Amino acid sequence: MEKKSKKKFTSFEEDLTKMQSILEEMESSDLTLDEMIKKYREGIELAKRCKKQLDDAESEIKKISN
């Protein structure tokens, strides 16, 4: 039977910490080009998730304020 992959829900803070970790790794290690691209792609996905969470929070705050 095939297992469906489920993406683990992570908090904004966890995603931000992971992005910082990726950045530090990219700046300080001797990654191959392929590894660097993989890390970059992962960072971009985390950044998109964080932006969505911030946009959602801003929308919620605006609803509360009105």
Foldseek 3Di string as FASTA:
>chain_A
DDDDDDDDDDDLVVLVVLLVVLVVCLVPDDDDPVVNVVSVVSNVVSVVVNVVVVVVVVVVVVVVVD
